[in-house]
Structures are given as structure tokens and as C-alpha cells.
């Protein structure tokens, strides 16, 4: 059994790969001064980067978990999500309101993707 860990520190990895499945840690915005849509776009761009490093892409998403701090901003998050997700290939998804680790963060997204067969 092979498990690969990428972008790791003593506490966690940003990516874990096992048996052709790529698991990403929850991703948060790099510039929390942006509005909900802007923060979501930042997170989705980071997800694209990490998936590429793991040899896959958003075309192979299996699932997504989304945490937002205020359901009143759910529509803004969905605007960014809808512009990003591959048409006809949306993953299963759950979204909930939650208090995040830093008060300036508005959104955190965690995804699982398949690696394409070689």
C-alpha cells in the first residue's frame, strides 16, 4: 500500500494520495480582505494548483465540502463556484455555515478527486 503526502508540515499535509484518489485539506483564502466571491475564487485557484501538482484536475472531482461563515453570502460563493466547476461534471457537495479558524476567513473548501488512469 502506497500513500503519498505533499506540501506537509509537522501537523498536516495539503494533499494525500492513495489508490488513485486525491484528498485535499481544507483550503482558505490567501487575501482575506476580499469579499465572499473573491475569497472563494482564491480558494478555487489554490485547489486547481494542488490538484495539478497531484496529477489531476477539477474535471475529476468526486466530492466537495464547503464551510462559509454567513449563509447570507451563500449566493456569492455559488457564483464563484458555478463559474469554476466543469459543466456536466459537478461533484457531490455539501455546504454549511460554520465559524472558521480565523475570523477574517469567509470560506473554506475541501475536495476529493480521482487521478486519471494512465
PDB file of N, CA and C in Angstrom:
ATOM      1  N   UNK A   1       0.855  -1.178   0.000  1.00  0.00           N
ATOM      2  CA  UNK A   1       0.000   0.000   0.000  1.00  0.00           C
ATOM      3  C   UNK A   1       0.894   1.233   0.000  1.00  0.00           C
ATOM      4  N   UNK A   2       0.639   2.123  -0.940  1.00  0.00           N
ATOM      5  CA  UNK A   2       1.407   3.351  -1.039  1.00  0.00           C
ATOM      6  C   UNK A   2       0.498   4.544  -0.761  1.00  0.00           C
ATOM      7  N   UNK A   3       0.955   5.391   0.138  1.00  0.00           N
ATOM      8  CA  UNK A   3       0.278   6.658   0.414  1.00  0.00           C
ATOM      9  C   UNK A   3       1.319   7.748   0.224  1.00  0.00           C
ATOM     10  N   UNK A   4       0.979   8.755  -0.569  1.00  0.00           N
ATOM     11  CA  UNK A   4       1.895   9.888  -0.785  1.00  0.00           C
ATOM     12  C   UNK A   4       1.327  11.124  -0.096  1.00  0.00           C
ATOM     13  N   UNK A   5       2.229  11.865   0.521  1.00  0.00           N
ATOM     14  CA  UNK A   5       1.872  13.099   1.212  1.00  0.00           C
ATOM     15  C   UNK A   5       2.612  14.250   0.535  1.00  0.00           C
ATOM     16  N   UNK A   6       1.904  15.348   0.250  1.00  0.00           N
ATOM     17  CA  UNK A   6       2.517  16.500  -0.405  1.00  0.00           C
ATOM     18  C   UNK A   6       2.217  17.769   0.391  1.00  0.00           C
ATOM     19  N   UNK A   7       3.140  18.723   0.279  1.00  0.00           N
ATOM     20  CA  UNK A   7       3.006  20.006   0.985  1.00  0.00           C
ATOM     21  C   UNK A   7       2.698  19.767   2.460  1.00  0.00           C
ATOM     22  N   UNK A   8       3.576  19.023   3.106  1.00  0.00           N
ATOM     23  CA  UNK A   8       3.351  18.637   4.501  1.00  0.00           C
ATOM     24  C   UNK A   8       4.187  19.450   5.463  1.00  0.00           C
ATOM     25  N   UNK A   9       3.674  19.580   6.675  1.00  0.00           N
ATOM     26  CA  UNK A   9       4.450  20.082   7.799  1.00  0.00           C
ATOM     27  C   UNK A   9       4.224  19.111   8.952  1.00  0.00           C
ATOM     28  N   UNK A  10       4.636  19.453  10.131  1.00  0.00           N
ATOM     29  CA  UNK A  10       4.500  18.534  11.268  1.00  0.00           C
ATOM     30  C   UNK A  10       3.040  18.238  11.609  1.00  0.00           C
ATOM     31  N   UNK A  11       2.141  19.149  11.286  1.00  0.00           N
ATOM     32  CA  UNK A  11       0.736  18.995  11.660  1.00  0.00           C
ATOM     33  C   UNK A  11      -0.118  18.319  10.610  1.00  0.00           C
ATOM     34  N   UNK A  12       0.114  18.656   9.333  1.00  0.00           N
ATOM     35  CA  UNK A  12      -0.812  18.186   8.306  1.00  0.00           C
ATOM     36  C   UNK A  12      -0.183  18.247   6.922  1.00  0.00           C
ATOM     37  N   UNK A  13      -0.838  17.597   5.981  1.00  0.00           N
ATOM     38  CA  UNK A  13      -0.484  17.677   4.560  1.00  0.00           C
ATOM     39  C   UNK A  13      -1.599  18.418   3.837  1.00  0.00           C
ATOM     40  N   UNK A  14      -1.222  19.116   2.786  1.00  0.00           N
ATOM     41  CA  UNK A  14      -2.238  19.765   1.956  1.00  0.00           C
ATOM     42  C   UNK A  14      -2.869  18.759   0.990  1.00  0.00           C
ATOM     43  N   UNK A  15      -2.090  17.707   0.644  1.00  0.00           N
ATOM     44  CA  UNK A  15      -2.556  16.697  -0.305  1.00  0.00           C
ATOM     45  C   UNK A  15      -2.119  15.325   0.194  1.00  0.00           C
ATOM     46  N   UNK A  16      -3.034  14.373   0.128  1.00  0.00           N
ATOM     47  CA  UNK A  16      -2.715  12.971   0.371  1.00  0.00           C
ATOM     48  C   UNK A  16      -3.280  12.183  -0.802  1.00  0.00           C
ATOM     49  N   UNK A  17      -2.472  11.259  -1.322  1.00  0.00           N
ATOM     50  CA  UNK A  17      -2.890  10.457  -2.476  1.00  0.00           C
ATOM     51  C   UNK A  17      -2.804   8.985  -2.104  1.00  0.00           C
ATOM     52  N   UNK A  18      -3.899   8.275  -2.341  1.00  0.00           N
ATOM     53  CA  UNK A  18      -3.943   6.841  -2.062  1.00  0.00           C
ATOM     54  C   UNK A  18      -4.829   6.156  -3.096  1.00  0.00           C
ATOM     55  N   UNK A  19      -4.278   5.123  -3.727  1.00  0.00           N
ATOM     56  CA  UNK A  19      -5.082   4.283  -4.622  1.00  0.00           C
ATOM     57  C   UNK A  19      -5.784   5.081  -5.722  1.00  0.00           C
ATOM     58  N   UNK A  20      -5.118   6.100  -6.275  1.00  0.00           N
ATOM     59  CA  UNK A  20      -5.702   6.884  -7.356  1.00  0.00           C
ATOM     60  C   UNK A  20      -6.707   7.932  -6.918  1.00  0.00           C
ATOM     61  N   UNK A  21      -6.809   8.148  -5.609  1.00  0.00           N
ATOM     62  CA  UNK A  21      -7.715   9.174  -5.091  1.00  0.00           C
ATOM     63  C   UNK A  21      -6.889  10.263  -4.415  1.00  0.00           C
ATOM     64  N   UNK A  22      -7.216  11.520  -4.714  1.00  0.00           N
ATOM     65  CA  UNK A  22      -6.502  12.686  -4.197  1.00  0.00           C
ATOM     66  C   UNK A  22      -7.388  13.388  -3.180  1.00  0.00           C
ATOM     67  N   UNK A  23      -6.883  13.535  -1.980  1.00  0.00           N
ATOM     68  CA  UNK A  23      -7.609  14.193  -0.892  1.00  0.00           C
ATOM     69  C   UNK A  23      -6.907  15.514  -0.587  1.00  0.00           C
ATOM     70  N   UNK A  24      -7.626  16.604  -0.644  1.00  0.00           N
ATOM     71  CA  UNK A  24      -7.060  17.905  -0.302  1.00  0.00           C
ATOM     72  C   UNK A  24      -7.536  18.334   1.079  1.00  0.00           C
ATOM     73  N   UNK A  25      -6.644  18.987   1.806  1.00  0.00           N
ATOM     74  CA  UNK A  25      -7.024  19.612   3.066  1.00  0.00           C
ATOM     75  C   UNK A  25      -7.936  20.795   2.754  1.00  0.00           C
ATOM     76  N   UNK A  26      -8.640  21.271   3.753  1.00  0.00           N
ATOM     77  CA  UNK A  26      -9.462  22.455   3.561  1.00  0.00           C
ATOM     78  C   UNK A  26      -8.588  23.629   3.152  1.00  0.00           C
ATOM     79  N   UNK A  27      -8.995  24.320   2.102  1.00  0.00           N
ATOM     80  CA  UNK A  27      -8.241  25.459   1.580  1.00  0.00           C
ATOM     81  C   UNK A  27      -8.957  26.758   1.945  1.00  0.00           C
ATOM     82  N   UNK A  28      -8.158  27.748   2.329  1.00  0.00           N
ATOM     83  CA  UNK A  28      -8.681  29.046   2.749  1.00  0.00           C
ATOM     84  C   UNK A  28      -8.063  30.144   1.890  1.00  0.00           C
ATOM     85  N   UNK A  29      -8.652  31.324   1.875  1.00  0.00           N
ATOM     86  CA  UNK A  29      -8.140  32.406   1.024  1.00  0.00           C
ATOM     87  C   UNK A  29      -6.785  32.929   1.480  1.00  0.00           C
ATOM     88  N   UNK A  30      -5.993  33.369   0.507  1.00  0.00           N
ATOM     89  CA  UNK A  30      -4.697  33.977   0.826  1.00  0.00           C
ATOM     90  C   UNK A  30      -4.846  35.465   1.153  1.00  0.00           C
ATOM     91  N   UNK A  31      -5.872  36.109   0.597  1.00  0.00           N
ATOM     92  CA  UNK A  31      -6.138  37.525   0.872  1.00  0.00           C
ATOM     93  C   UNK A  31      -7.529  37.648   1.474  1.00  0.00           C
ATOM     94  N   UNK A  32      -7.620  37.612   2.800  1.00  0.00           N
ATOM     95  CA  UNK A  32      -8.934  37.647   3.431  1.00  0.00           C
ATOM     96  C   UNK A  32      -9.634  39.004   3.394  1.00  0.00           C
ATOM     97  N   UNK A  33      -9.006  40.011   2.774  1.00  0.00           N
ATOM     98  CA  UNK A  33      -9.677  41.312   2.672  1.00  0.00           C
ATOM     99  C   UNK A  33     -10.732  41.312   1.558  1.00  0.00           C
ATOM    100  N   UNK A  34     -10.720  40.279   0.711  1.00  0.00           N
ATOM    101  CA  UNK A  34     -11.684  40.186  -0.388  1.00  0.00           C
ATOM    102  C   UNK A  34     -13.070  39.831   0.138  1.00  0.00           C
ATOM    103  N   UNK A  35     -14.081  40.086  -0.695  1.00  0.00           N
ATOM    104  CA  UNK A  35     -15.448  39.699  -0.342  1.00  0.00           C
ATOM    105  C   UNK A  35     -15.608  38.185  -0.522  1.00  0.00           C
ATOM    106  N   UNK A  36     -16.797  37.677  -0.258  1.00  0.00           N
ATOM    107  CA  UNK A  36     -17.026  36.231  -0.328  1.00  0.00           C
ATOM    108  C   UNK A  36     -16.681  35.666  -1.708  1.00  0.00           C
ATOM    109  N   UNK A  37     -17.142  36.337  -2.766  1.00  0.00           N
ATOM    110  CA  UNK A  37     -16.828  35.826  -4.108  1.00  0.00           C
ATOM    111  C   UNK A  37     -15.323  35.816  -4.346  1.00  0.00           C
ATOM    112  N   UNK A  38     -14.647  36.890  -3.975  1.00  0.00           N
ATOM    113  CA  UNK A  38     -13.202  36.980  -4.160  1.00  0.00           C
ATOM    114  C   UNK A  38     -12.451  35.928  -3.356  1.00  0.00           C
ATOM    115  N   UNK A  39     -12.858  35.719  -2.113  1.00  0.00           N
ATOM    116  CA  UNK A  39     -12.214  34.690  -1.299  1.00  0.00           C
ATOM    117  C   UNK A  39     -12.455  33.304  -1.903  1.00  0.00           C
ATOM    118  N   UNK A  40     -13.669  33.061  -2.379  1.00  0.00           N
ATOM    119  CA  UNK A  40     -13.969  31.763  -2.987  1.00  0.00           C
ATOM    120  C   UNK A  40     -13.128  31.559  -4.235  1.00  0.00           C
ATOM    121  N   UNK A  41     -12.985  32.577  -5.059  1.00  0.00           N
ATOM    122  CA  UNK A  41     -12.157  32.464  -6.263  1.00  0.00           C
ATOM    123  C   UNK A  41     -10.710  32.149  -5.910  1.00  0.00           C
ATOM    124  N   UNK A  42     -10.191  32.760  -4.846  1.00  0.00           N
ATOM    125  CA  UNK A  42      -8.822  32.469  -4.404  1.00  0.00           C
ATOM    126  C   UNK A  42      -8.682  31.002  -3.994  1.00  0.00           C
ATOM    127  N   UNK A  43      -9.647  30.524  -3.234  1.00  0.00           N
ATOM    128  CA  UNK A  43      -9.612  29.136  -2.765  1.00  0.00           C
ATOM    129  C   UNK A  43      -9.687  28.178  -3.950  1.00  0.00           C
ATOM    130  N   UNK A  44     -10.562  28.443  -4.894  1.00  0.00           N
ATOM    131  CA  UNK A  44     -10.706  27.565  -6.053  1.00  0.00           C
ATOM    132  C   UNK A  44      -9.433  27.560  -6.906  1.00  0.00           C
ATOM    133  N   UNK A  45      -8.767  28.701  -7.027  1.00  0.00           N
ATOM    134  CA  UNK A  45      -7.493  28.766  -7.760  1.00  0.00           C
ATOM    135  C   UNK A  45      -6.434  27.911  -7.060  1.00  0.00           C
ATOM    136  N   UNK A  46      -6.402  27.964  -5.739  1.00  0.00           N
ATOM    137  CA  UNK A  46      -5.448  27.136  -4.983  1.00  0.00           C
ATOM    138  C   UNK A  46      -5.771  25.655  -5.147  1.00  0.00           C
ATOM    139  N   UNK A  47      -7.048  25.312  -5.155  1.00  0.00           N
ATOM    140  CA  UNK A  47      -7.449  23.922  -5.390  1.00  0.00           C
ATOM    141  C   UNK A  47      -6.971  23.471  -6.763  1.00  0.00           C
ATOM    142  N   UNK A  48      -7.118  24.315  -7.779  1.00  0.00           N
ATOM    143  CA  UNK A  48      -6.619  23.982  -9.122  1.00  0.00           C
ATOM    144  C   UNK A  48      -5.122  23.670  -9.078  1.00  0.00           C
ATOM    145  N   UNK A  49      -4.358  24.507  -8.373  1.00  0.00           N
ATOM    146  CA  UNK A  49      -2.904  24.310  -8.268  1.00  0.00           C
ATOM    147  C   UNK A  49      -2.566  22.983  -7.598  1.00  0.00           C
ATOM    148  N   UNK A  50      -3.198  22.705  -6.480  1.00  0.00           N
ATOM    149  CA  UNK A  50      -2.906  21.474  -5.746  1.00  0.00           C
ATOM    150  C   UNK A  50      -3.317  20.229  -6.517  1.00  0.00           C
ATOM    151  N   UNK A  51      -4.451  20.288  -7.186  1.00  0.00           N
ATOM    152  CA  UNK A  51      -4.886  19.149  -7.993  1.00  0.00           C
ATOM    153  C   UNK A  51      -3.890  18.900  -9.135  1.00  0.00           C
ATOM    154  N   UNK A  52      -3.415  19.961  -9.769  1.00  0.00           N
ATOM    155  CA  UNK A  52      -2.436  19.811 -10.851  1.00  0.00           C
ATOM    156  C   UNK A  52      -1.152  19.170 -10.329  1.00  0.00           C
ATOM    157  N   UNK A  53      -0.688  19.612  -9.159  1.00  0.00           N
ATOM    158  CA  UNK A  53       0.512  19.020  -8.562  1.00  0.00           C
ATOM    159  C   UNK A  53       0.318  17.537  -8.283  1.00  0.00           C
ATOM    160  N   UNK A  54      -0.912  17.130  -8.026  1.00  0.00           N
ATOM    161  CA  UNK A  54      -1.227  15.734  -7.717  1.00  0.00           C
ATOM    162  C   UNK A  54      -1.560  14.926  -8.973  1.00  0.00           C
ATOM    163  N   UNK A  55      -1.480  15.555 -10.148  1.00  0.00           N
ATOM    164  CA  UNK A  55      -1.716  14.840 -11.393  1.00  0.00           C
ATOM    165  C   UNK A  55      -3.168  14.690 -11.775  1.00  0.00           C
ATOM    166  N   UNK A  56      -3.997  15.612 -11.340  1.00  0.00           N
ATOM    167  CA  UNK A  56      -5.413  15.558 -11.702  1.00  0.00           C
ATOM    168  C   UNK A  56      -5.943  16.986 -11.875  1.00  0.00           C
ATOM    169  N   UNK A  57      -7.247  17.127 -11.961  1.00  0.00           N
ATOM    170  CA  UNK A  57      -7.849  18.453 -12.147  1.00  0.00           C
ATOM    171  C   UNK A  57      -9.290  18.442 -11.660  1.00  0.00           C
ATOM    172  N   UNK A  58      -9.901  19.612 -11.724  1.00  0.00           N
ATOM    173  CA  UNK A  58     -11.295  19.728 -11.298  1.00  0.00           C
ATOM    174  C   UNK A  58     -12.235  18.903 -12.180  1.00  0.00           C
ATOM    175  N   UNK A  59     -11.785  18.471 -13.346  1.00  0.00           N
ATOM    176  CA  UNK A  59     -12.600  17.595 -14.195  1.00  0.00           C
ATOM    177  C   UNK A  59     -12.845  16.242 -13.541  1.00  0.00           C
ATOM    178  N   UNK A  60     -12.030  15.908 -12.544  1.00  0.00           N
ATOM    179  CA  UNK A  60     -12.111  14.606 -11.888  1.00  0.00           C
ATOM    180  C   UNK A  60     -12.580  14.703 -10.439  1.00  0.00           C
ATOM    181  N   UNK A  61     -13.255  15.793 -10.094  1.00  0.00           N
ATOM    182  CA  UNK A  61     -13.738  15.945  -8.719  1.00  0.00           C
ATOM    183  C   UNK A  61     -14.776  14.885  -8.390  1.00  0.00           C
ATOM    184  N   UNK A  62     -14.672  14.374  -7.180  1.00  0.00           N
ATOM    185  CA  UNK A  62     -15.642  13.413  -6.676  1.00  0.00           C
ATOM    186  C   UNK A  62     -16.565  14.050  -5.652  1.00  0.00           C
ATOM    187  N   UNK A  63     -15.978  14.838  -4.746  1.00  0.00           N
ATOM    188  CA  UNK A  63     -16.792  15.457  -3.701  1.00  0.00           C
ATOM    189  C   UNK A  63     -16.172  16.766  -3.244  1.00  0.00           C
ATOM    190  N   UNK A  64     -17.013  17.603  -2.628  1.00  0.00           N
ATOM    191  CA  UNK A  64     -16.562  18.873  -2.075  1.00  0.00           C
ATOM    192  C   UNK A  64     -17.333  19.160  -0.791  1.00  0.00           C
ATOM    193  N   UNK A  65     -16.617  19.684   0.175  1.00  0.00           N
ATOM    194  CA  UNK A  65     -17.230  20.174   1.405  1.00  0.00           C
ATOM    195  C   UNK A  65     -16.891  21.645   1.496  1.00  0.00           C
ATOM    196  N   UNK A  66     -17.906  22.456   1.759  1.00  0.00           N
ATOM    197  CA  UNK A  66     -17.724  23.903   1.801  1.00  0.00           C
ATOM    198  C   UNK A  66     -18.261  24.433   3.115  1.00  0.00           C
ATOM    199  N   UNK A  67     -17.443  25.242   3.770  1.00  0.00           N
ATOM    200  CA  UNK A  67     -17.853  25.909   5.005  1.00  0.00           C
ATOM    201  C   UNK A  67     -17.816  27.407   4.735  1.00  0.00           C
ATOM    202  N   UNK A  68     -18.922  28.088   5.022  1.00  0.00           N
ATOM    203  CA  UNK A  68     -18.955  29.546   4.906  1.00  0.00           C
ATOM    204  C   UNK A  68     -19.423  30.126   6.235  1.00  0.00           C
ATOM    205  N   UNK A  69     -18.995  31.345   6.492  1.00  0.00           N
ATOM    206  CA  UNK A  69     -19.283  31.937   7.796  1.00  0.00           C
ATOM    207  C   UNK A  69     -20.655  32.584   7.883  1.00  0.00           C
ATOM    208  N   UNK A  70     -21.291  32.845   6.739  1.00  0.00           N
ATOM    209  CA  UNK A  70     -22.585  33.524   6.765  1.00  0.00           C
ATOM    210  C   UNK A  70     -23.415  33.083   5.564  1.00  0.00           C
ATOM    211  N   UNK A  71     -24.503  32.368   5.815  1.00  0.00           N
ATOM    212  CA  UNK A  71     -25.358  31.894   4.732  1.00  0.00           C
ATOM    213  C   UNK A  71     -25.972  33.035   3.923  1.00  0.00           C
ATOM    214  N   UNK A  72     -25.948  34.248   4.444  1.00  0.00           N
ATOM    215  CA  UNK A  72     -26.417  35.392   3.668  1.00  0.00           C
ATOM    216  C   UNK A  72     -25.518  35.625   2.451  1.00  0.00           C
ATOM    217  N   UNK A  73     -24.287  35.097   2.488  1.00  0.00           N
ATOM    218  CA  UNK A  73     -23.336  35.239   1.387  1.00  0.00           C
ATOM    219  C   UNK A  73     -23.226  33.971   0.537  1.00  0.00           C
ATOM    220  N   UNK A  74     -24.122  33.024   0.756  1.00  0.00           N
ATOM    221  CA  UNK A  74     -24.126  31.758   0.039  1.00  0.00           C
ATOM    222  C   UNK A  74     -24.188  31.975  -1.471  1.00  0.00           C
ATOM    223  N   UNK A  75     -24.987  32.924  -1.910  1.00  0.00           N
ATOM    224  CA  UNK A  75     -25.131  33.215  -3.338  1.00  0.00           C
ATOM    225  C   UNK A  75     -23.827  33.673  -3.965  1.00  0.00           C
ATOM    226  N   UNK A  76     -23.063  34.521  -3.265  1.00  0.00           N
ATOM    227  CA  UNK A  76     -21.775  34.983  -3.783  1.00  0.00           C
ATOM    228  C   UNK A  76     -20.797  33.822  -3.931  1.00  0.00           C
ATOM    229  N   UNK A  77     -20.782  32.930  -2.948  1.00  0.00           N
ATOM    230  CA  UNK A  77     -19.915  31.755  -3.030  1.00  0.00           C
ATOM    231  C   UNK A  77     -20.327  30.911  -4.229  1.00  0.00           C
ATOM    232  N   UNK A  78     -21.634  30.692  -4.397  1.00  0.00           N
ATOM    233  CA  UNK A  78     -22.129  29.886  -5.511  1.00  0.00           C
ATOM    234  C   UNK A  78     -21.819  30.506  -6.870  1.00  0.00           C
ATOM    235  N   UNK A  79     -21.809  31.843  -6.965  1.00  0.00           N
ATOM    236  CA  UNK A  79     -21.451  32.497  -8.222  1.00  0.00           C
ATOM    237  C   UNK A  79     -20.038  32.102  -8.635  1.00  0.00           C
ATOM    238  N   UNK A  80     -19.102  32.139  -7.691  1.00  0.00           N
ATOM    239  CA  UNK A  80     -17.717  31.758  -7.984  1.00  0.00           C
ATOM    240  C   UNK A  80     -17.636  30.269  -8.283  1.00  0.00           C
ATOM    241  N   UNK A  81     -18.322  29.458  -7.504  1.00  0.00           N
ATOM    242  CA  UNK A  81     -18.316  28.005  -7.704  1.00  0.00           C
ATOM    243  C   UNK A  81     -18.864  27.647  -9.080  1.00  0.00           C
ATOM    244  N   UNK A  82     -20.019  28.213  -9.428  1.00  0.00           N
ATOM    245  CA  UNK A  82     -20.670  27.884 -10.698  1.00  0.00           C
ATOM    246  C   UNK A  82     -19.805  28.277 -11.901  1.00  0.00           C
ATOM    247  N   UNK A  83     -19.055  29.373 -11.781  1.00  0.00           N
ATOM    248  CA  UNK A  83     -18.168  29.801 -12.859  1.00  0.00           C
ATOM    249  C   UNK A  83     -16.948  28.886 -12.968  1.00  0.00           C
ATOM    250  N   UNK A  84     -16.613  28.182 -11.891  1.00  0.00           N
ATOM    251  CA  UNK A  84     -15.405  27.346 -11.826  1.00  0.00           C
ATOM    252  C   UNK A  84     -15.658  25.884 -12.157  1.00  0.00           C
ATOM    253  N   UNK A  85     -16.737  25.328 -11.665  1.00  0.00           N
ATOM    254  CA  UNK A  85     -16.967  23.885 -11.800  1.00  0.00           C
ATOM    255  C   UNK A  85     -17.151  23.507 -13.274  1.00  0.00           C
ATOM    256  N   UNK A  86     -16.670  22.328 -13.648  1.00  0.00           N
ATOM    257  CA  UNK A  86     -16.758  21.867 -15.032  1.00  0.00           C
ATOM    258  C   UNK A  86     -18.214  21.538 -15.366  1.00  0.00           C
ATOM    259  N   UNK A  87     -18.786  22.161 -16.401  1.00  0.00           N
ATOM    260  CA  UNK A  87     -20.172  21.867 -16.771  1.00  0.00           C
ATOM    261  C   UNK A  87     -20.372  20.373 -17.027  1.00  0.00           C
ATOM    262  N   UNK A  88     -21.450  19.857 -16.473  1.00  0.00           N
ATOM    263  CA  UNK A  88     -21.768  18.458 -16.643  1.00  0.00           C
ATOM    264  C   UNK A  88     -20.991  17.509 -15.749  1.00  0.00           C
ATOM    265  N   UNK A  89     -20.071  18.044 -14.921  1.00  0.00           N
ATOM    266  CA  UNK A  89     -19.252  17.205 -14.056  1.00  0.00           C
ATOM    267  C   UNK A  89     -19.190  17.746 -12.626  1.00  0.00           C
ATOM    268  N   UNK A  90     -20.300  18.192 -12.081  1.00  0.00           N
ATOM    269  CA  UNK A  90     -20.248  18.711 -10.711  1.00  0.00           C
ATOM    270  C   UNK A  90     -20.091  17.553  -9.711  1.00  0.00           C
ATOM    271  N   UNK A  91     -19.255  17.744  -8.702  1.00  0.00           N
ATOM    272  CA  UNK A  91     -19.095  16.692  -7.695  1.00  0.00           C
ATOM    273  C   UNK A  91     -20.276  16.689  -6.724  1.00  0.00           C
ATOM    274  N   UNK A  92     -20.386  15.621  -5.933  1.00  0.00           N
ATOM    275  CA  UNK A  92     -21.320  15.697  -4.814  1.00  0.00           C
ATOM    276  C   UNK A  92     -20.788  16.805  -3.913  1.00  0.00           C
ATOM    277  N   UNK A  93     -21.685  17.478  -3.203  1.00  0.00           N
ATOM    278  CA  UNK A  93     -21.250  18.655  -2.459  1.00  0.00           C
ATOM    279  C   UNK A  93     -22.121  18.883  -1.247  1.00  0.00           C
ATOM    280  N   UNK A  94     -21.498  19.362  -0.192  1.00  0.00           N
ATOM    281  CA  UNK A  94     -22.222  19.822   0.985  1.00  0.00           C
ATOM    282  C   UNK A  94     -21.685  21.196   1.343  1.00  0.00           C
ATOM    283  N   UNK A  95     -22.564  22.075   1.763  1.00  0.00           N
ATOM    284  CA  UNK A  95     -22.153  23.411   2.192  1.00  0.00           C
ATOM    285  C   UNK A  95     -22.883  23.732   3.496  1.00  0.00           C
ATOM    286  N   UNK A  96     -22.152  24.269   4.432  1.00  0.00           N
ATOM    287  CA  UNK A  96     -22.750  24.590   5.724  1.00  0.00           C
ATOM    288  C   UNK A  96     -22.151  25.871   6.285  1.00  0.00           C
ATOM    289  N   UNK A  97     -22.876  26.476   7.186  1.00  0.00           N
ATOM    290  CA  UNK A  97     -22.382  27.664   7.878  1.00  0.00           C
ATOM    291  C   UNK A  97     -21.559  27.216   9.068  1.00  0.00           C
ATOM    292  N   UNK A  98     -20.393  27.843   9.254  1.00  0.00           N
ATOM    293  CA  UNK A  98     -19.511  27.457  10.346  1.00  0.00           C
ATOM    294  C   UNK A  98     -18.608  28.622  10.734  1.00  0.00           C
ATOM    295  N   UNK A  99     -18.150  28.578  11.953  1.00  0.00           N
ATOM    296  CA  UNK A  99     -17.135  29.512  12.414  1.00  0.00           C
ATOM    297  C   UNK A  99     -15.791  28.936  11.991  1.00  0.00           C
ATOM    298  N   UNK A 100     -14.988  29.708  11.246  1.00  0.00           N
ATOM    299  CA  UNK A 100     -13.695  29.222  10.769  1.00  0.00           C
ATOM    300  C   UNK A 100     -12.578  29.611  11.731  1.00  0.00           C
ATOM    301  N   UNK A 101     -11.386  29.067  11.500  1.00  0.00           N
ATOM    302  CA  UNK A 101     -10.262  29.240  12.422  1.00  0.00           C
ATOM    303  C   UNK A 101      -9.824  30.695  12.583  1.00  0.00           C
ATOM    304  N   UNK A 102      -9.964  31.497  11.544  1.00  0.00           N
ATOM    305  CA  UNK A 102      -9.636  32.923  11.614  1.00  0.00           C
ATOM    306  C   UNK A 102     -10.876  33.722  11.262  1.00  0.00           C
ATOM    307  N   UNK A 103     -11.196  34.749  12.016  1.00  0.00           N
ATOM    308  CA  UNK A 103     -12.440  35.496  11.773  1.00  0.00           C
ATOM    309  C   UNK A 103     -12.503  36.191  10.423  1.00  0.00           C
ATOM    310  N   UNK A 104     -11.351  36.490   9.809  1.00  0.00           N
ATOM    311  CA  UNK A 104     -11.368  37.170   8.514  1.00  0.00           C
ATOM    312  C   UNK A 104     -11.640  36.223   7.343  1.00  0.00           C
ATOM    313  N   UNK A 105     -11.504  34.933   7.569  1.00  0.00           N
ATOM    314  CA  UNK A 105     -11.833  33.965   6.520  1.00  0.00           C
ATOM    315  C   UNK A 105     -13.341  33.824   6.402  1.00  0.00           C
ATOM    316  N   UNK A 106     -13.840  33.845   5.182  1.00  0.00           N
ATOM    317  CA  UNK A 106     -15.273  33.699   4.929  1.00  0.00           C
ATOM    318  C   UNK A 106     -15.628  32.317   4.389  1.00  0.00           C
ATOM    319  N   UNK A 107     -14.636  31.599   3.842  1.00  0.00           N
ATOM    320  CA  UNK A 107     -14.913  30.321   3.180  1.00  0.00           C
ATOM    321  C   UNK A 107     -13.720  29.378   3.304  1.00  0.00           C
ATOM    322  N   UNK A 108     -14.027  28.104   3.415  1.00  0.00           N
ATOM    323  CA  UNK A 108     -13.025  27.041   3.372  1.00  0.00           C
ATOM    324  C   UNK A 108     -13.626  25.899   2.552  1.00  0.00           C
ATOM    325  N   UNK A 109     -12.819  25.355   1.651  1.00  0.00           N
ATOM    326  CA  UNK A 109     -13.295  24.294   0.768  1.00  0.00           C
ATOM    327  C   UNK A 109     -12.312  23.129   0.786  1.00  0.00           C
ATOM    328  N   UNK A 110     -12.869  21.925   0.885  1.00  0.00           N
ATOM    329  CA  UNK A 110     -12.089  20.693   0.896  1.00  0.00           C
ATOM    330  C   UNK A 110     -12.652  19.791  -0.204  1.00  0.00           C
ATOM    331  N   UNK A 111     -11.773  19.247  -1.059  1.00  0.00           N
ATOM    332  CA  UNK A 111     -12.246  18.398  -2.151  1.00  0.00           C
ATOM    333  C   UNK A 111     -11.508  17.062  -2.201  1.00  0.00           C
ATOM    334  N   UNK A 112     -12.148  16.118  -2.881  1.00  0.00           N
ATOM    335  CA  UNK A 112     -11.568  14.814  -3.184  1.00  0.00           C
ATOM    336  C   UNK A 112     -11.708  14.643  -4.698  1.00  0.00           C
ATOM    337  N   UNK A 113     -10.646  14.145  -5.332  1.00  0.00           N
ATOM    338  CA  UNK A 113     -10.659  13.949  -6.794  1.00  0.00           C
ATOM    339  C   UNK A 113     -10.009  12.624  -7.149  1.00  0.00           C
ATOM    340  N   UNK A 114     -10.384  12.102  -8.282  1.00  0.00           N
ATOM    341  CA  UNK A 114      -9.751  10.899  -8.817  1.00  0.00           C
ATOM    342  C   UNK A 114      -8.569  11.314  -9.698  1.00  0.00           C
ATOM    343  N   UNK A 115      -7.544  10.463  -9.733  1.00  0.00           N
ATOM    344  CA  UNK A 115      -6.476  10.656 -10.692  1.00  0.00           C
ATOM    345  C   UNK A 115      -6.866   9.913 -11.967  1.00  0.00           C
ATOM    346  N   UNK A 116      -6.653  10.532 -13.126  1.00  0.00           N
ATOM    347  CA  UNK A 116      -6.988   9.841 -14.368  1.00  0.00           C
ATOM    348  C   UNK A 116      -6.084   8.610 -14.538  1.00  0.00           C
ATOM    349  N   UNK A 117      -6.636   7.574 -15.140  1.00  0.00           N
ATOM    350  CA  UNK A 117      -5.846   6.369 -15.385  1.00  0.00           C
ATOM    351  C   UNK A 117      -4.804   6.635 -16.449  1.00  0.00           C
ATOM    352  N   UNK A 118      -3.625   6.108 -16.230  1.00  0.00           N
ATOM    353  CA  UNK A 118      -2.506   6.353 -17.166  1.00  0.00           C
ATOM    354  C   UNK A 118      -2.645   5.510 -18.418  1.00  0.00           C
TER     355      UNK A 118
END
